[in-house]
Every structure is written in C-alpha cells, then in structure tokens.
PDB file of N, CA and C in Angstrom:
ATOM      1  N   MET A   1       0.893  -1.219  -0.027  1.00  0.00           N
ATOM      2  CA  MET A   1      -0.312  -0.016   0.180  1.00  0.00           C
ATOM      3  C   MET A   1       1.262   1.041   0.215  1.00  0.00           C
ATOM      4  N   THR A   2       0.443   2.393  -1.563  1.00  0.00           N
ATOM      5  CA  THR A   2       1.417   3.676  -0.462  1.00  0.00           C
ATOM      6  C   THR A   2       0.283   5.008  -0.116  1.00  0.00           C
ATOM      7  N   LEU A   3       1.236   5.370   0.300  1.00  0.00           N
ATOM      8  CA  LEU A   3      -0.335   6.837   0.453  1.00  0.00           C
ATOM      9  C   LEU A   3       0.941   7.613  -0.630  1.00  0.00           C
ATOM     10  N   ASP A   4       0.216   9.011  -1.054  1.00  0.00           N
ATOM     11  CA  ASP A   4       0.891   9.745  -1.539  1.00  0.00           C
ATOM     12  C   ASP A   4      -0.091  11.339  -1.177  1.00  0.00           C
ATOM     13  N   ILE A   5       1.057  11.943  -0.733  1.00  0.00           N
ATOM     14  CA  ILE A   5       1.102  12.829   1.100  1.00  0.00           C
ATOM     15  C   ILE A   5       2.147  13.821   0.610  1.00  0.00           C
ATOM     16  N   PRO A   6       1.528  15.338  -0.004  1.00  0.00           N
ATOM     17  CA  PRO A   6       2.379  16.336  -0.921  1.00  0.00           C
ATOM     18  C   PRO A   6       3.230  16.775   0.270  1.00  0.00           C
ATOM     19  N   ASP A   7       4.569  16.728  -0.180  1.00  0.00           N
ATOM     20  CA  ASP A   7       5.572  16.861   0.546  1.00  0.00           C
ATOM     21  C   ASP A   7       5.853  18.004   1.688  1.00  0.00           C
ATOM     22  N   ASP A   8       4.967  19.176   1.331  1.00  0.00           N
ATOM     23  CA  ASP A   8       4.077  19.984   2.254  1.00  0.00           C
ATOM     24  C   ASP A   8       3.619  19.365   3.286  1.00  0.00           C
ATOM     25  N   LEU A   9       2.763  18.887   3.595  1.00  0.00           N
ATOM     26  CA  LEU A   9       1.821  18.111   4.308  1.00  0.00           C
ATOM     27  C   LEU A   9       2.924  17.175   5.340  1.00  0.00           C
ATOM     28  N   LEU A  10       3.589  16.451   4.538  1.00  0.00           N
ATOM     29  CA  LEU A  10       4.648  15.674   4.505  1.00  0.00           C
ATOM     30  C   LEU A  10       5.674  15.911   5.560  1.00  0.00           C
ATOM     31  N   GLY A  11       5.853  16.443   5.485  1.00  0.00           N
ATOM     32  CA  GLY A  11       7.142  17.960   6.482  1.00  0.00           C
ATOM     33  C   GLY A  11       6.885  18.073   7.811  1.00  0.00           C
ATOM     34  N   GLU A  12       5.227  18.741   7.590  1.00  0.00           N
ATOM     35  CA  GLU A  12       4.618  18.588   8.272  1.00  0.00           C
ATOM     36  C   GLU A  12       4.090  17.382   9.428  1.00  0.00           C
ATOM     37  N   LEU A  13       3.618  16.754   8.625  1.00  0.00           N
ATOM     38  CA  LEU A  13       3.335  15.159   9.716  1.00  0.00           C
ATOM     39  C   LEU A  13       4.418  14.791  10.279  1.00  0.00           C
ATOM     40  N   SER A  14       5.833  15.011   9.457  1.00  0.00           N
ATOM     41  CA  SER A  14       6.967  14.225   9.997  1.00  0.00           C
ATOM     42  C   SER A  14       7.297  14.594  11.510  1.00  0.00           C
ATOM     43  N   ALA A  15       7.182  16.351  11.549  1.00  0.00           N
ATOM     44  CA  ALA A  15       7.681  17.225  12.420  1.00  0.00           C
ATOM     45  C   ALA A  15       6.597  16.167  13.353  1.00  0.00           C
ATOM     46  N   LYS A  16       5.509  15.615  13.241  1.00  0.00           N
ATOM     47  CA  LYS A  16       5.221  15.762  14.657  1.00  0.00           C
ATOM     48  C   LYS A  16       4.414  14.337  14.964  1.00  0.00           C
ATOM     49  N   PHE A  17       4.687  13.916  14.062  1.00  0.00           N
ATOM     50  CA  PHE A  17       5.375  12.118  14.235  1.00  0.00           C
ATOM     51  C   PHE A  17       6.430  11.279  13.545  1.00  0.00           C
ATOM     52  N   HIS A  18       6.924  10.451  14.323  1.00  0.00           N
ATOM     53  CA  HIS A  18       8.135  10.377  13.852  1.00  0.00           C
ATOM     54  C   HIS A  18       8.154   9.223  12.573  1.00  0.00           C
ATOM     55  N   ASP A  19       6.996   8.490  12.452  1.00  0.00           N
ATOM     56  CA  ASP A  19       7.281   7.881  11.450  1.00  0.00           C
ATOM     57  C   ASP A  19       6.036   7.927  11.286  1.00  0.00           C
ATOM     58  N   ALA A  20       5.020   8.330  10.061  1.00  0.00           N
ATOM     59  CA  ALA A  20       4.172   8.794   9.950  1.00  0.00           C
ATOM     60  C   ALA A  20       2.938   7.503   8.652  1.00  0.00           C
ATOM     61  N   GLY A  21       4.592   6.870   8.946  1.00  0.00           N
ATOM     62  CA  GLY A  21       3.446   5.849   7.515  1.00  0.00           C
ATOM     63  C   GLY A  21       3.189   4.772   8.754  1.00  0.00           C
ATOM     64  N   LEU A  22       4.344   4.240   9.807  1.00  0.00           N
ATOM     65  CA  LEU A  22       3.445   3.376  10.675  1.00  0.00           C
ATOM     66  C   LEU A  22       2.370   3.982  11.789  1.00  0.00           C
ATOM     67  N   THR A  23       2.608   5.396  12.081  1.00  0.00           N
ATOM     68  CA  THR A  23       1.491   5.641  12.785  1.00  0.00           C
ATOM     69  C   THR A  23      -0.079   5.811  12.036  1.00  0.00           C
ATOM     70  N   ALA A  24       0.591   6.100  10.315  1.00  0.00           N
ATOM     71  CA  ALA A  24      -0.840   5.626   9.442  1.00  0.00           C
ATOM     72  C   ALA A  24      -1.760   3.744   9.541  1.00  0.00           C
ATOM     73  N   LEU A  25      -0.968   3.361   9.392  1.00  0.00           N
ATOM     74  CA  LEU A  25      -1.513   2.023   9.635  1.00  0.00           C
ATOM     75  C   LEU A  25      -1.275   1.172  11.033  1.00  0.00           C
ATOM     76  N   GLU A  26      -1.158   1.774  12.029  1.00  0.00           N
ATOM     77  CA  GLU A  26      -1.771   1.502  13.491  1.00  0.00           C
ATOM     78  C   GLU A  26      -2.938   2.617  13.409  1.00  0.00           C
ATOM     79  N   ALA A  27      -3.341   2.977  13.086  1.00  0.00           N
ATOM     80  CA  ALA A  27      -4.855   4.023  13.199  1.00  0.00           C
ATOM     81  C   ALA A  27      -5.806   2.766  11.866  1.00  0.00           C
ATOM     82  N   LEU A  28      -5.460   2.869  10.499  1.00  0.00           N
ATOM     83  CA  LEU A  28      -6.034   2.058  10.263  1.00  0.00           C
ATOM     84  C   LEU A  28      -6.036   0.205  10.802  1.00  0.00           C
ATOM     85  N   ALA A  29      -5.478  -0.200  11.440  1.00  0.00           N
ATOM     86  CA  ALA A  29      -5.145  -1.487  12.022  1.00  0.00           C
ATOM     87  C   ALA A  29      -6.733  -1.270  13.057  1.00  0.00           C
ATOM     88  N   ALA A  30      -6.731  -0.386  13.846  1.00  0.00           N
ATOM     89  CA  ALA A  30      -7.147   0.320  14.882  1.00  0.00           C
ATOM     90  C   ALA A  30      -8.573   0.230  14.241  1.00  0.00           C
ATOM     91  N   ARG A  31      -8.754   0.807  13.271  1.00  0.00           N
ATOM     92  CA  ARG A  31      -9.959   1.292  12.851  1.00  0.00           C
ATOM     93  C   ARG A  31     -10.797  -0.497  12.204  1.00  0.00           C
ATOM     94  N   ALA A  32      -9.772  -1.282  11.636  1.00  0.00           N
ATOM     95  CA  ALA A  32     -10.025  -2.312  10.787  1.00  0.00           C
ATOM     96  C   ALA A  32     -10.436  -3.749  12.630  1.00  0.00           C
ATOM     97  N   TYR A  33      -9.944  -3.428  13.226  1.00  0.00           N
ATOM     98  CA  TYR A  33     -10.188  -4.258  14.490  1.00  0.00           C
ATOM     99  C   TYR A  33     -11.267  -4.281  15.335  1.00  0.00           C
ATOM    100  N   ALA A  34     -12.020  -2.016  15.558  1.00  0.00           N
ATOM    101  CA  ALA A  34     -13.339  -2.113  16.156  1.00  0.00           C
ATOM    102  C   ALA A  34     -14.352  -2.324  15.349  1.00  0.00           C
ATOM    103  N   GLU A  35     -13.916  -2.328  13.682  1.00  0.00           N
ATOM    104  CA  GLU A  35     -15.023  -2.730  13.130  1.00  0.00           C
ATOM    105  C   GLU A  35     -15.497  -4.395  12.661  1.00  0.00           C
ATOM    106  N   GLU A  36     -14.327  -4.527  13.579  1.00  0.00           N
ATOM    107  CA  GLU A  36     -14.638  -6.265  13.301  1.00  0.00           C
ATOM    108  C   GLU A  36     -14.085  -6.577  12.039  1.00  0.00           C
ATOM    109  N   VAL A  37     -12.765  -6.405  11.659  1.00  0.00           N
ATOM    110  CA  VAL A  37     -13.009  -6.739  10.144  1.00  0.00           C
ATOM    111  C   VAL A  37     -11.242  -8.138  10.090  1.00  0.00           C
ATOM    112  N   LEU A  38     -10.469  -7.460  11.023  1.00  0.00           N
ATOM    113  CA  LEU A  38      -9.077  -7.716  11.569  1.00  0.00           C
ATOM    114  C   LEU A  38      -9.527  -8.115  13.134  1.00  0.00           C
ATOM    115  N   SER A  39      -8.801  -9.327  13.189  1.00  0.00           N
ATOM    116  CA  SER A  39      -8.600 -10.158  14.499  1.00  0.00           C
ATOM    117  C   SER A  39      -7.665  -9.093  15.756  1.00  0.00           C
ATOM    118  N   LEU A  40      -7.486  -9.306  16.804  1.00  0.00           N
ATOM    119  CA  LEU A  40      -6.420  -8.939  17.198  1.00  0.00           C
ATOM    120  C   LEU A  40      -5.212  -9.754  17.421  1.00  0.00           C
ATOM    121  N   GLU A  41      -5.050 -10.783  16.542  1.00  0.00           N
ATOM    122  CA  GLU A  41      -4.172 -11.834  15.906  1.00  0.00           C
ATOM    123  C   GLU A  41      -3.847 -11.326  14.516  1.00  0.00           C
ATOM    124  N   GLN A  42      -4.093 -10.608  14.111  1.00  0.00           N
ATOM    125  CA  GLN A  42      -4.467 -10.071  12.507  1.00  0.00           C
ATOM    126  C   GLN A  42      -3.777  -8.805  12.743  1.00  0.00           C
ATOM    127  N   VAL A  43      -4.496  -7.953  13.474  1.00  0.00           N
ATOM    128  CA  VAL A  43      -3.666  -6.376  14.046  1.00  0.00           C
ATOM    129  C   VAL A  43      -2.034  -6.877  14.117  1.00  0.00           C
ATOM    130  N   ARG A  44      -1.882  -8.293  15.395  1.00  0.00           N
ATOM    131  CA  ARG A  44      -0.055  -8.350  15.528  1.00  0.00           C
ATOM    132  C   ARG A  44       1.018  -8.087  14.347  1.00  0.00           C
ATOM    133  N   GLN A  45       0.094  -9.349  13.557  1.00  0.00           N
ATOM    134  CA  GLN A  45       0.563  -9.520  12.240  1.00  0.00           C
ATOM    135  C   GLN A  45       1.041  -8.319  10.952  1.00  0.00           C
ATOM    136  N   LEU A  46      -0.478  -7.554  11.248  1.00  0.00           N
ATOM    137  CA  LEU A  46      -0.125  -6.851  10.437  1.00  0.00           C
ATOM    138  C   LEU A  46       1.156  -5.530  11.123  1.00  0.00           C
ATOM    139  N   LEU A  47       1.098  -5.412  11.849  1.00  0.00           N
ATOM    140  CA  LEU A  47       2.144  -4.820  12.620  1.00  0.00           C
ATOM    141  C   LEU A  47       2.815  -4.990  12.756  1.00  0.00           C
ATOM    142  N   ASP A  48       3.140  -6.643  12.686  1.00  0.00           N
ATOM    143  CA  ASP A  48       4.959  -7.407  13.303  1.00  0.00           C
ATOM    144  C   ASP A  48       5.454  -7.345  14.498  1.00  0.00           C
ATOM    145  N   LEU A  49       4.108  -7.360  15.345  1.00  0.00           N
ATOM    146  CA  LEU A  49       4.779  -7.003  16.844  1.00  0.00           C
ATOM    147  C   LEU A  49       5.072  -8.642  17.273  1.00  0.00           C
ATOM    148  N   PRO A  50       6.023  -7.978  18.627  1.00  0.00           N
ATOM    149  CA  PRO A  50       5.991  -9.397  18.774  1.00  0.00           C
ATOM    150  C   PRO A  50       5.214 -10.562  19.456  1.00  0.00           C
ATOM    151  N   SER A  51       3.837  -9.975  20.189  1.00  0.00           N
ATOM    152  CA  SER A  51       2.642 -10.350  21.448  1.00  0.00           C
ATOM    153  C   SER A  51       1.981  -9.359  21.233  1.00  0.00           C
ATOM    154  N   ARG A  52       0.664 -10.599  21.418  1.00  0.00           N
ATOM    155  CA  ARG A  52      -1.040  -9.765  21.660  1.00  0.00           C
ATOM    156  C   ARG A  52      -0.756  -8.331  22.715  1.00  0.00           C
ATOM    157  N   TRP A  53       0.045  -8.670  23.341  1.00  0.00           N
ATOM    158  CA  TRP A  53       0.156  -7.899  24.654  1.00  0.00           C
ATOM    159  C   TRP A  53       0.720  -5.925  23.266  1.00  0.00           C
ATOM    160  N   GLU A  54       1.448  -6.382  23.479  1.00  0.00           N
ATOM    161  CA  GLU A  54       1.819  -5.219  21.796  1.00  0.00           C
ATOM    162  C   GLU A  54       0.820  -4.772  21.587  1.00  0.00           C
ATOM    163  N   ALA A  55       0.336  -5.795  20.563  1.00  0.00           N
ATOM    164  CA  ALA A  55      -1.050  -5.819  19.674  1.00  0.00           C
ATOM    165  C   ALA A  55      -2.479  -4.896  20.642  1.00  0.00           C
ATOM    166  N   GLU A  56      -2.278  -5.144  21.618  1.00  0.00           N
ATOM    167  CA  GLU A  56      -3.257  -4.117  22.409  1.00  0.00           C
ATOM    168  C   GLU A  56      -3.176  -2.759  23.119  1.00  0.00           C
ATOM    169  N   ALA A  57      -1.749  -3.055  23.231  1.00  0.00           N
ATOM    170  CA  ALA A  57      -0.824  -1.167  23.906  1.00  0.00           C
ATOM    171  C   ALA A  57      -1.497  -0.716  22.429  1.00  0.00           C
ATOM    172  N   VAL A  58      -0.657  -1.271  21.240  1.00  0.00           N
ATOM    173  CA  VAL A  58      -1.138  -0.332  20.264  1.00  0.00           C
ATOM    174  C   VAL A  58      -2.534   0.265  20.022  1.00  0.00           C
ATOM    175  N   LEU A  59      -3.573  -0.462  20.120  1.00  0.00           N
ATOM    176  CA  LEU A  59      -5.438  -0.182  20.404  1.00  0.00           C
ATOM    177  C   LEU A  59      -5.348   0.814  20.902  1.00  0.00           C
ATOM    178  N   LYS A  60      -5.134   0.150  22.310  1.00  0.00           N
ATOM    179  CA  LYS A  60      -5.583   0.833  23.510  1.00  0.00           C
ATOM    180  C   LYS A  60      -5.003   3.330  22.914  1.00  0.00           C
ATOM    181  N   ARG A  61      -3.818   2.683  22.836  1.00  0.00           N
ATOM    182  CA  ARG A  61      -3.716   3.898  22.297  1.00  0.00           C
ATOM    183  C   ARG A  61      -3.768   4.586  20.887  1.00  0.00           C
ATOM    184  N   GLN A  62      -4.318   3.735  20.552  1.00  0.00           N
ATOM    185  CA  GLN A  62      -5.748   4.777  18.786  1.00  0.00           C
ATOM    186  C   GLN A  62      -7.074   4.389  19.798  1.00  0.00           C
ATOM    187  N   GLY A  63      -7.576   3.849  20.983  1.00  0.00           N
ATOM    188  CA  GLY A  63      -8.851   4.972  21.791  1.00  0.00           C
ATOM    189  C   GLY A  63      -9.401   3.290  20.857  1.00  0.00           C
ATOM    190  N   VAL A  64      -9.072   2.371  20.710  1.00  0.00           N
ATOM    191  CA  VAL A  64     -10.061   1.065  20.544  1.00  0.00           C
ATOM    192  C   VAL A  64      -9.487   0.450  21.870  1.00  0.00           C
ATOM    193  N   TRP A  65     -10.545  -0.069  22.214  1.00  0.00           N
ATOM    194  CA  TRP A  65     -10.603  -1.503  23.532  1.00  0.00           C
ATOM    195  C   TRP A  65     -10.329  -2.472  23.499  1.00  0.00           C
ATOM    196  N   PRO A  66      -9.432  -3.549  23.193  1.00  0.00           N
ATOM    197  CA  PRO A  66     -10.061  -4.454  23.231  1.00  0.00           C
ATOM    198  C   PRO A  66     -11.144  -4.976  23.790  1.00  0.00           C
ATOM    199  N   GLY A  67     -11.824  -5.659  23.053  1.00  0.00           N
ATOM    200  CA  GLY A  67     -13.157  -6.318  24.421  1.00  0.00           C
ATOM    201  C   GLY A  67     -12.713  -8.184  24.113  1.00  0.00           C
ATOM    202  N   THR A  68     -13.549  -8.817  24.605  1.00  0.00           N
ATOM    203  CA  THR A  68     -14.101 -10.466  24.297  1.00  0.00           C
ATOM    204  C   THR A  68     -14.908 -10.827  23.950  1.00  0.00           C
ATOM    205  N   THR A  69     -15.061 -11.163  22.720  1.00  0.00           N
ATOM    206  CA  THR A  69     -16.435 -11.559  22.122  1.00  0.00           C
ATOM    207  C   THR A  69     -17.303 -12.343  22.735  1.00  0.00           C
ATOM    208  N   VAL A  70     -18.125 -12.872  22.258  1.00  0.00           N
ATOM    209  CA  VAL A  70     -18.947 -14.040  23.031  1.00  0.00           C
ATOM    210  C   VAL A  70     -18.577 -15.393  22.797  1.00  0.00           C
ATOM    211  N   ALA A  71     -17.856 -15.640  21.195  1.00  0.00           N
ATOM    212  CA  ALA A  71     -17.583 -16.731  20.959  1.00  0.00           C
ATOM    213  C   ALA A  71     -16.345 -16.907  21.981  1.00  0.00           C
ATOM    214  N   GLU A  72     -15.437 -16.278  23.009  1.00  0.00           N
ATOM    215  CA  GLU A  72     -14.410 -16.494  23.806  1.00  0.00           C
ATOM    216  C   GLU A  72     -14.761 -16.107  25.189  1.00  0.00           C
ATOM    217  N   VAL A  73     -15.734 -15.975  25.274  1.00  0.00           N
ATOM    218  CA  VAL A  73     -16.397 -15.938  26.756  1.00  0.00           C
ATOM    219  C   VAL A  73     -17.358 -17.527  26.066  1.00  0.00           C
ATOM    220  N   LEU A  74     -17.721 -17.466  25.588  1.00  0.00           N
ATOM    221  CA  LEU A  74     -18.491 -19.145  25.931  1.00  0.00           C
ATOM    222  C   LEU A  74     -16.572 -20.311  25.907  1.00  0.00           C
ATOM    223  N   ALA A  75     -16.544 -19.970  24.959  1.00  0.00           N
ATOM    224  CA  ALA A  75     -15.251 -20.848  25.242  1.00  0.00           C
ATOM    225  C   ALA A  75     -14.197 -20.873  26.299  1.00  0.00           C
ATOM    226  N   ASP A  76     -14.316 -20.104  26.874  1.00  0.00           N
ATOM    227  CA  ASP A  76     -13.570 -19.830  28.051  1.00  0.00           C
ATOM    228  C   ASP A  76     -14.531 -20.616  29.212  1.00  0.00           C
ATOM    229  N   LEU A  77     -15.928 -20.638  28.916  1.00  0.00           N
ATOM    230  CA  LEU A  77     -16.479 -21.075  29.828  1.00  0.00           C
ATOM    231  C   LEU A  77     -16.668 -22.764  29.502  1.00  0.00           C
ATOM    232  N   GLU A  78     -16.158 -22.953  28.386  1.00  0.00           N
ATOM    233  CA  GLU A  78     -16.067 -24.392  28.634  1.00  0.00           C
ATOM    234  C   GLU A  78     -14.898 -25.264  29.385  1.00  0.00           C
ATOM    235  N   VAL A  79     -13.418 -24.563  29.332  1.00  0.00           N
ATOM    236  CA  VAL A  79     -12.379 -24.853  29.641  1.00  0.00           C
ATOM    237  C   VAL A  79     -12.637 -24.733  31.727  1.00  0.00           C
ATOM    238  N   LEU A  80     -13.075 -23.309  31.504  1.00  0.00           N
ATOM    239  CA  LEU A  80     -13.261 -23.833  33.388  1.00  0.00           C
ATOM    240  C   LEU A  80     -14.074 -24.459  33.682  1.00  0.00           C
ATOM    241  N   GLY A  81     -15.538 -25.047  32.926  1.00  0.00           N
ATOM    242  CA  GLY A  81     -16.439 -26.327  33.078  1.00  0.00           C
ATOM    243  C   GLY A  81     -15.604 -27.630  33.393  1.00  0.00           C
ATOM    244  N   LYS A  82     -14.314 -27.589  32.064  1.00  0.00           N
ATOM    245  CA  LYS A  82     -13.711 -28.743  32.478  1.00  0.00           C
ATOM    246  C   LYS A  82     -13.270 -28.639  33.360  1.00  0.00           C
ATOM    247  N   LEU A  83     -11.854 -27.848  33.939  1.00  0.00           N
ATOM    248  CA  LEU A  83     -11.721 -28.106  34.867  1.00  0.00           C
ATOM    249  C   LEU A  83     -11.911 -28.140  35.899  1.00  0.00           C
ATOM    250  N   SER A  84     -12.953 -27.821  36.409  1.00  0.00           N
ATOM    251  CA  SER A  84     -14.196 -27.887  37.243  1.00  0.00           C
ATOM    252  C   SER A  84     -13.734 -29.351  37.596  1.00  0.00           C
ATOM    253  N   ARG A  85     -14.967 -29.760  36.038  1.00  0.00           N
ATOM    254  CA  ARG A  85     -15.308 -31.196  37.148  1.00  0.00           C
ATOM    255  C   ARG A  85     -13.337 -32.185  37.062  1.00  0.00           C
ATOM    256  N   LEU A  86     -12.126 -31.882  36.267  1.00  0.00           N
ATOM    257  CA  LEU A  86     -11.343 -32.635  37.196  1.00  0.00           C
ATOM    258  C   LEU A  86     -10.976 -32.049  38.542  1.00  0.00           C
ATOM    259  N   HIS A  87     -11.256 -30.597  38.631  1.00  0.00           N
ATOM    260  CA  HIS A  87     -10.644 -31.165  40.472  1.00  0.00           C
ATOM    261  C   HIS A  87     -12.013 -31.274  40.988  1.00  0.00           C
ATOM    262  N   GLU A  88     -12.877 -31.920  40.572  1.00  0.00           N
ATOM    263  CA  GLU A  88     -14.076 -32.150  41.418  1.00  0.00           C
ATOM    264  C   GLU A  88     -13.889 -34.013  41.516  1.00  0.00           C
ATOM    265  N   ALA A  89     -13.090 -35.096  40.267  1.00  0.00           N
ATOM    266  CA  ALA A  89     -12.645 -35.901  40.522  1.00  0.00           C
ATOM    267  C   ALA A  89     -11.782 -36.261  41.570  1.00  0.00           C
ATOM    268  N   PRO A  90     -12.353 -37.996  42.198  1.00  0.00           N
ATOM    269  CA  PRO A  90     -11.550 -38.105  43.083  1.00  0.00           C
ATOM    270  C   PRO A  90      -9.830 -38.453  42.807  1.00  0.00           C
TER     271      PRO A  90
END
C-alpha cells in the first residue's frame, strides 16, 4: 500500500509523528479491529508485533479497547467447566 502525501504536508506530519507511515498503519489496524474486520492476532501480524500485549497497547493508544467476544466467553466457560470437573474427580 502506498500513501501519496504532498511534500509540504509530509514535512508537517513528519515533524509531529516520528514515523507517519507507521502511525497511519496503526490507525488503519485499530479501525479495522474496531469494525471487526481484523482480529487481535491479525492486528499483531499486520503491525509485525511480537505479542498480543503489544497489539493491545497499540489499540489502546488509538482509543480502541480490545474486548471479549461472545465466542471467546463461551470458549472460556467450556474450559472452566472441564477444569472444574477435573478438580471434582476423586
């Protein structure tokens, strides 16, 4: 992907943002995550981050708070149920 930014504006943007290209990519990733186009893992991959924690930090800086989906809650409940049954077994 290429962004065409006029030179005079690029100078102003570069003065404010250390890496304007990365800033734009992070904003795109956050918007895509907020609109459920990308998952947290896909955001991590897009931004080439080493962990989900760094991806969450980027989203938070962009004003997007990573949430939990219904599917994730149901999966967690299933795991908790299995662990609970294991704990109760003699």
